[in-house]
Amino acid sequence: MEDMGQDKRLFKRARIGLLSLIEVIDSPDDSIFITSKSTVQNISKGGVLIMSEEPYSIGTLLKLQPQVELARIPVPLVGRVVRIEEIVPDESYEIGVMFVNLNEKQRDVVDLIMTKGDDAE
């Protein structure tokens, strides 16, 4: 029998509160391709949770540029929106983004960011 309360995440998450530039690469609903700033709430090897003023649609492909002081050369991360939750109506959204095809350098950046964060539940 399956435990319904069990966390189904594949990767450990780290809370970080890190500013990131977000650019829409592709959107299923032909949204305007904008660049905005969002806060990465937590990160794992599989993706990020961002707090955003933009309600990105499920399936939207995003390029994230975390503002990491330790990375001398910015390394963009690409991911697809898999979850959205409206926190404050028409103002604030939690967006779950799953990474897509990270290369070794990008995985190293994710590892670096995770070492600077706090363990999340």
Protein backbone atom coordinates (compact mmCIF):
# COMPACT_ATOMS: atom_id res chain seq x y z
CA MET A 1 0.00 0.00 0.00
CA GLU A 2 1.38 3.43 -1.00
CA ASP A 3 1.96 6.11 1.63
CA MET A 4 -0.04 9.10 0.33
CA GLY A 5 1.92 11.54 2.52
CA GLN A 6 5.29 10.45 1.14
CA ASP A 7 7.36 13.10 -0.66
CA LYS A 8 7.73 12.04 -4.29
CA ARG A 9 10.63 14.35 -5.09
CA LEU A 10 13.67 12.75 -6.64
CA PHE A 11 16.17 15.34 -5.39
CA LYS A 12 16.99 17.13 -2.15
CA ARG A 13 16.11 20.83 -2.22
CA ALA A 14 17.98 23.83 -0.78
CA ARG A 15 16.28 27.12 0.20
CA ILE A 16 18.16 30.05 -1.26
CA GLY A 17 16.21 33.28 -1.93
CA LEU A 18 18.37 34.14 -4.94
CA LEU A 19 17.52 36.83 -7.51
CA SER A 20 17.35 35.53 -11.07
CA LEU A 21 16.67 37.03 -14.49
CA ILE A 22 13.98 35.05 -16.32
CA GLU A 23 13.49 35.03 -20.08
CA VAL A 24 10.66 33.24 -21.89
CA ILE A 25 12.12 31.08 -24.67
CA ASP A 26 8.91 29.37 -25.80
CA SER A 27 5.33 29.47 -24.58
CA PRO A 28 2.42 27.18 -25.48
CA ASP A 29 -0.05 30.07 -25.38
CA ASP A 30 2.05 32.52 -27.46
CA SER A 31 2.58 34.80 -24.47
CA ILE A 32 4.67 37.88 -24.96
CA PHE A 33 8.30 36.83 -24.57
CA ILE A 34 9.44 38.94 -21.68
CA THR A 35 12.47 39.22 -19.47
CA SER A 36 11.79 39.78 -15.79
CA LYS A 37 13.35 39.35 -12.38
CA SER A 38 12.16 36.68 -9.98
CA THR A 39 13.35 35.13 -6.76
CA VAL A 40 14.45 31.51 -6.69
CA GLN A 41 12.93 30.18 -3.46
CA ASN A 42 14.56 26.76 -3.59
CA ILE A 43 16.63 24.67 -5.95
CA SER A 44 17.41 21.01 -6.52
CA LYS A 45 19.25 19.04 -9.17
CA GLY A 46 15.88 18.63 -10.89
CA GLY A 47 14.57 22.19 -10.90
CA VAL A 48 13.66 25.37 -9.03
CA LEU A 49 10.72 27.01 -7.32
CA ILE A 50 10.53 30.70 -8.19
CA MET A 51 8.36 33.49 -6.83
CA SER A 52 7.23 35.65 -9.73
CA GLU A 53 4.92 38.52 -10.60
CA GLU A 54 4.35 36.81 -13.98
CA PRO A 55 1.87 33.91 -14.25
CA TYR A 56 3.87 31.76 -16.69
CA SER A 57 1.76 29.01 -18.28
CA ILE A 58 2.38 25.30 -17.73
CA GLY A 59 4.77 24.11 -20.45
CA THR A 60 6.49 27.49 -20.91
CA LEU A 61 10.23 27.13 -21.56
CA LEU A 62 12.29 29.58 -19.48
CA LYS A 63 15.94 30.62 -19.38
CA LEU A 64 16.97 31.43 -15.80
CA GLN A 65 20.06 33.47 -15.05
CA PRO A 66 20.70 33.14 -11.30
CA GLN A 67 22.66 36.09 -9.90
CA VAL A 68 25.42 34.03 -8.29
CA GLU A 69 28.39 35.96 -6.90
CA LEU A 70 30.62 32.90 -6.98
CA ALA A 71 30.14 32.26 -10.70
CA ARG A 72 32.56 34.47 -12.64
CA ILE A 73 30.79 33.82 -15.92
CA PRO A 74 26.98 33.71 -15.84
CA VAL A 75 25.63 30.27 -16.73
CA PRO A 76 21.99 30.19 -17.84
CA LEU A 77 19.74 27.31 -16.78
CA VAL A 78 16.84 26.19 -18.98
CA GLY A 79 13.66 24.68 -17.60
CA ARG A 80 10.00 24.07 -18.31
CA VAL A 81 7.14 25.31 -16.10
CA VAL A 82 5.45 22.28 -14.53
CA ARG A 83 3.42 23.92 -11.76
CA ILE A 84 1.94 27.32 -10.92
CA GLU A 85 0.18 28.48 -7.77
CA GLU A 86 -1.30 31.93 -7.34
CA ILE A 87 -0.17 33.24 -3.93
CA VAL A 88 -1.57 36.79 -4.05
CA PRO A 89 -4.29 37.23 -6.70
CA ASP A 90 -2.92 38.94 -9.83
CA GLU A 91 0.33 39.82 -8.02
CA SER A 92 2.42 36.85 -6.91
CA TYR A 93 2.88 33.29 -8.16
CA GLU A 94 4.93 30.26 -7.12
CA ILE A 95 6.25 28.64 -10.28
CA GLY A 96 7.71 25.13 -10.33
CA VAL A 97 10.32 24.75 -13.09
CA MET A 98 11.91 21.43 -14.09
CA PHE A 99 15.38 21.70 -15.62
CA VAL A 100 15.81 20.59 -19.23
CA ASN A 101 19.01 19.07 -20.63
CA LEU A 102 21.54 20.58 -18.22
CA ASN A 103 25.15 20.17 -19.30
CA GLU A 104 28.02 19.50 -16.88
CA LYS A 105 28.81 23.20 -16.36
CA GLN A 106 25.16 23.97 -15.59
CA ARG A 107 24.96 21.04 -13.14
CA ASP A 108 28.10 22.39 -11.43
CA VAL A 109 26.40 25.78 -11.02
CA VAL A 110 23.32 24.10 -9.52
CA ASP A 111 25.57 22.18 -7.10
CA LEU A 112 27.37 25.42 -6.18
CA ILE A 113 24.10 27.22 -5.49
CA MET A 114 22.81 24.30 -3.42
CA THR A 115 25.90 24.33 -1.18
CA LYS A 116 25.12 27.94 -0.28
CA GLY A 117 21.47 27.24 0.61
CA ASP A 118 19.71 25.79 3.65
CA ASP A 119 18.16 22.34 3.52
CA ALA A 120 14.48 22.51 2.60
CA GLU A 121 11.85 20.05 3.73
